[in-house]
Amino acid sequence: MNIDVTPLPGIGVCKDFPLAQARRRIGVIEHRDGSVDLVVSRAGDYDSTTSIPLSDTEIGVLAGLLGAPQVVQKTRETHSAGELSTRHFAIDRGSRFDGRPLRDTEMRTRTKASVVAVVRAGEVTPSPGTDFTFIPGDLVVVVGTDEGLDAAGRLLGAG
């Protein structure tokens, strides 16, 4: 599943994805000032969006409840540096890279982006080696230019 990233001029960035069973979208708005809102909307109806501001403590607690360690959440603090940004991509069951090692993605060669960490069941593997094998539910943290990150999303999503 890919995460949609939508620039919000003057505000920040919205990152969201569709919930398969609920006909809703869920995500976060990362404001330029560093604050974060949890957002939920009906699919295709952005006028129905509910936005809930979260404190840093609430972000950490929610991330823990969802199984993502705070290390991944902290990437929002350094989301972009110049032309580099980070994005997270999930490995879905049955996807092309389910059960295959990182080297099979040829990520750097094909996208000019790099995998900097993988989150699995709440545990972070920083700088995974080329023999790291993906399983469903892995959250792959990738750094690169917007173009490279778009290509990484297509690669991990479609192979």
Protein backbone atom coordinates (compact mmCIF):
# COMPACT_ATOMS: atom_id res chain seq x y z
CA MET A 1 0.00 0.00 0.00
CA ASN A 2 1.31 3.42 -0.88
CA ILE A 3 0.87 6.50 1.21
CA ASP A 4 -0.44 9.55 -0.65
CA VAL A 5 1.62 12.66 0.07
CA THR A 6 -0.15 15.94 -0.66
CA PRO A 7 1.59 19.32 -0.23
CA LEU A 8 -0.62 21.84 1.55
CA PRO A 9 0.77 25.27 0.58
CA GLY A 10 1.38 27.43 3.62
CA ILE A 11 0.39 24.60 5.95
CA GLY A 12 2.63 21.57 5.47
CA VAL A 13 2.09 18.06 4.09
CA CYS A 14 -0.80 15.60 4.34
CA LYS A 15 0.13 11.91 4.31
CA ASP A 16 -2.81 9.53 4.14
CA PHE A 17 -4.03 6.21 2.78
CA PRO A 18 -7.38 4.50 2.16
CA LEU A 19 -8.77 2.02 4.69
CA ALA A 20 -9.84 -1.02 2.69
CA GLN A 21 -12.86 -2.01 4.76
CA ALA A 22 -14.17 1.37 5.92
CA ARG A 23 -14.40 3.56 2.78
CA ARG A 24 -12.40 6.17 4.65
CA ARG A 25 -8.95 7.70 4.47
CA ILE A 26 -6.72 8.12 7.52
CA GLY A 27 -3.45 9.93 7.92
CA VAL A 28 -1.61 12.88 9.36
CA ILE A 29 -0.98 16.49 8.51
CA GLU A 30 2.59 17.52 9.32
CA HIS A 31 2.47 21.29 9.77
CA ARG A 32 5.39 23.55 8.86
CA ASP A 33 5.78 24.45 12.55
CA GLY A 34 6.31 20.76 13.47
CA SER A 35 2.85 20.12 14.89
CA VAL A 36 0.89 17.07 13.74
CA ASP A 37 -2.85 16.44 13.26
CA LEU A 38 -4.50 13.03 12.89
CA VAL A 39 -7.00 13.21 9.99
CA VAL A 40 -9.90 10.97 8.98
CA SER A 41 -12.17 11.54 5.99
CA ARG A 42 -14.66 9.71 3.82
CA ALA A 43 -13.03 8.44 0.64
CA GLY A 44 -13.55 11.05 -2.07
CA ASP A 45 -15.19 13.54 0.32
CA TYR A 46 -12.51 15.79 1.78
CA ASP A 47 -15.18 18.16 3.12
CA SER A 48 -15.93 15.47 5.71
CA THR A 49 -12.39 15.51 7.12
CA THR A 50 -12.00 15.45 10.89
CA SER A 51 -8.68 16.86 12.11
CA ILE A 52 -7.39 16.16 15.63
CA PRO A 53 -4.27 18.03 16.83
CA LEU A 54 -1.79 15.73 18.64
CA SER A 55 0.90 16.63 21.17
CA ASP A 56 4.36 15.03 20.89
CA THR A 57 3.43 12.74 23.78
CA GLU A 58 0.18 11.70 22.10
CA ILE A 59 2.05 11.02 18.85
CA GLY A 60 4.46 8.74 20.68
CA VAL A 61 1.67 6.89 22.50
CA LEU A 62 -0.37 6.43 19.31
CA ALA A 63 2.71 5.22 17.41
CA GLY A 64 3.37 2.71 20.22
CA LEU A 65 -0.24 1.49 20.13
CA LEU A 66 0.06 0.92 16.39
CA GLY A 67 3.37 -0.93 16.77
CA ALA A 68 5.63 1.72 15.27
CA PRO A 69 8.48 2.79 17.54
CA GLN A 70 9.15 6.43 18.22
CA VAL A 71 12.33 6.24 16.14
CA VAL A 72 10.22 6.23 12.98
CA GLN A 73 7.99 8.99 14.33
CA LYS A 74 11.07 11.12 14.97
CA THR A 75 11.77 11.13 11.21
CA ARG A 76 9.09 13.84 10.94
CA GLU A 77 11.52 16.18 12.66
CA THR A 78 13.97 15.76 9.80
CA HIS A 79 11.40 15.03 7.10
CA SER A 80 13.25 17.13 4.58
CA ALA A 81 16.71 18.57 4.30
CA GLY A 82 17.26 20.55 1.15
CA GLU A 83 16.11 18.30 -1.66
CA LEU A 84 16.08 15.12 0.46
CA SER A 85 12.98 13.75 2.18
CA THR A 86 11.87 10.53 3.82
CA ARG A 87 8.79 8.42 3.17
CA HIS A 88 7.50 5.16 4.56
CA PHE A 89 6.20 2.31 2.40
CA ALA A 90 4.48 -0.86 3.58
CA ILE A 91 5.25 -4.34 2.27
CA ASP A 92 1.90 -6.02 1.60
CA ARG A 93 1.21 -9.76 1.74
CA GLY A 94 1.75 -11.22 -1.71
CA SER A 95 3.62 -8.18 -3.03
CA ARG A 96 6.56 -8.76 -5.31
CA PHE A 97 9.08 -8.28 -2.46
CA ASP A 98 7.21 -10.30 0.19
CA GLY A 99 9.79 -12.91 1.30
CA ARG A 100 12.60 -11.45 -0.81
CA PRO A 101 15.80 -9.72 0.26
CA LEU A 102 16.44 -5.99 0.00
CA ARG A 103 19.06 -6.60 -2.71
CA ASP A 104 16.33 -7.85 -5.07
CA THR A 105 14.74 -4.39 -5.11
CA GLU A 106 17.88 -2.83 -6.62
CA MET A 107 16.51 0.28 -4.88
CA ARG A 108 19.48 2.65 -5.30
CA THR A 109 20.15 1.64 -8.90
CA ARG A 110 16.51 1.80 -9.98
CA THR A 111 15.32 4.84 -7.99
CA LYS A 112 18.36 6.78 -6.68
CA ALA A 113 16.73 6.49 -3.22
CA SER A 114 18.00 4.48 -0.24
CA VAL A 115 16.38 2.29 2.41
CA VAL A 116 17.55 3.69 5.76
CA ALA A 117 15.47 1.53 8.12
CA VAL A 118 12.77 -1.11 8.32
CA VAL A 119 10.20 -1.28 11.11
CA ARG A 120 8.89 -4.75 11.86
CA ALA A 121 6.45 -5.45 14.69
CA GLY A 122 7.54 -2.33 16.53
CA GLU A 123 11.27 -3.05 16.22
CA VAL A 124 13.57 -0.91 14.06
CA THR A 125 16.31 -2.35 11.88
CA PRO A 126 18.47 0.67 10.98
CA SER A 127 20.49 0.49 7.76
CA PRO A 128 19.38 -3.03 6.83
CA GLY A 129 21.89 -5.07 4.84
CA THR A 130 21.24 -6.34 1.34
CA ASP A 131 20.35 -9.78 2.76
CA PHE A 132 17.51 -8.34 4.92
CA THR A 133 14.36 -10.24 3.90
CA PHE A 134 11.03 -8.41 3.76
CA ILE A 135 7.83 -9.83 5.22
CA PRO A 136 4.24 -8.52 5.08
CA GLY A 137 3.69 -5.59 7.40
CA ASP A 138 7.26 -4.28 7.20
CA LEU A 139 7.39 -0.49 7.06
CA VAL A 140 10.29 0.53 4.81
CA VAL A 141 11.81 3.96 5.52
CA VAL A 142 13.35 5.45 2.37
CA VAL A 143 15.33 8.68 1.87
CA GLY A 144 15.80 10.48 -1.45
CA THR A 145 14.57 13.25 -3.69
CA ASP A 146 10.83 13.55 -4.38
CA GLU A 147 11.41 11.93 -7.77
CA GLY A 148 13.38 9.06 -6.22
CA LEU A 149 10.77 8.55 -3.50
CA ASP A 150 7.97 8.44 -6.06
CA ALA A 151 9.94 5.79 -7.95
CA ALA A 152 10.54 3.85 -4.71
CA GLY A 153 6.82 3.87 -3.99
CA ARG A 154 6.07 2.50 -7.44
CA LEU A 155 8.83 -0.10 -7.09
CA LEU A 156 7.73 -1.36 -3.68
CA GLY A 157 4.05 -1.12 -4.53
CA ALA A 158 4.10 -2.69 -7.96
CA GLY A 159 7.60 -4.15 -8.14
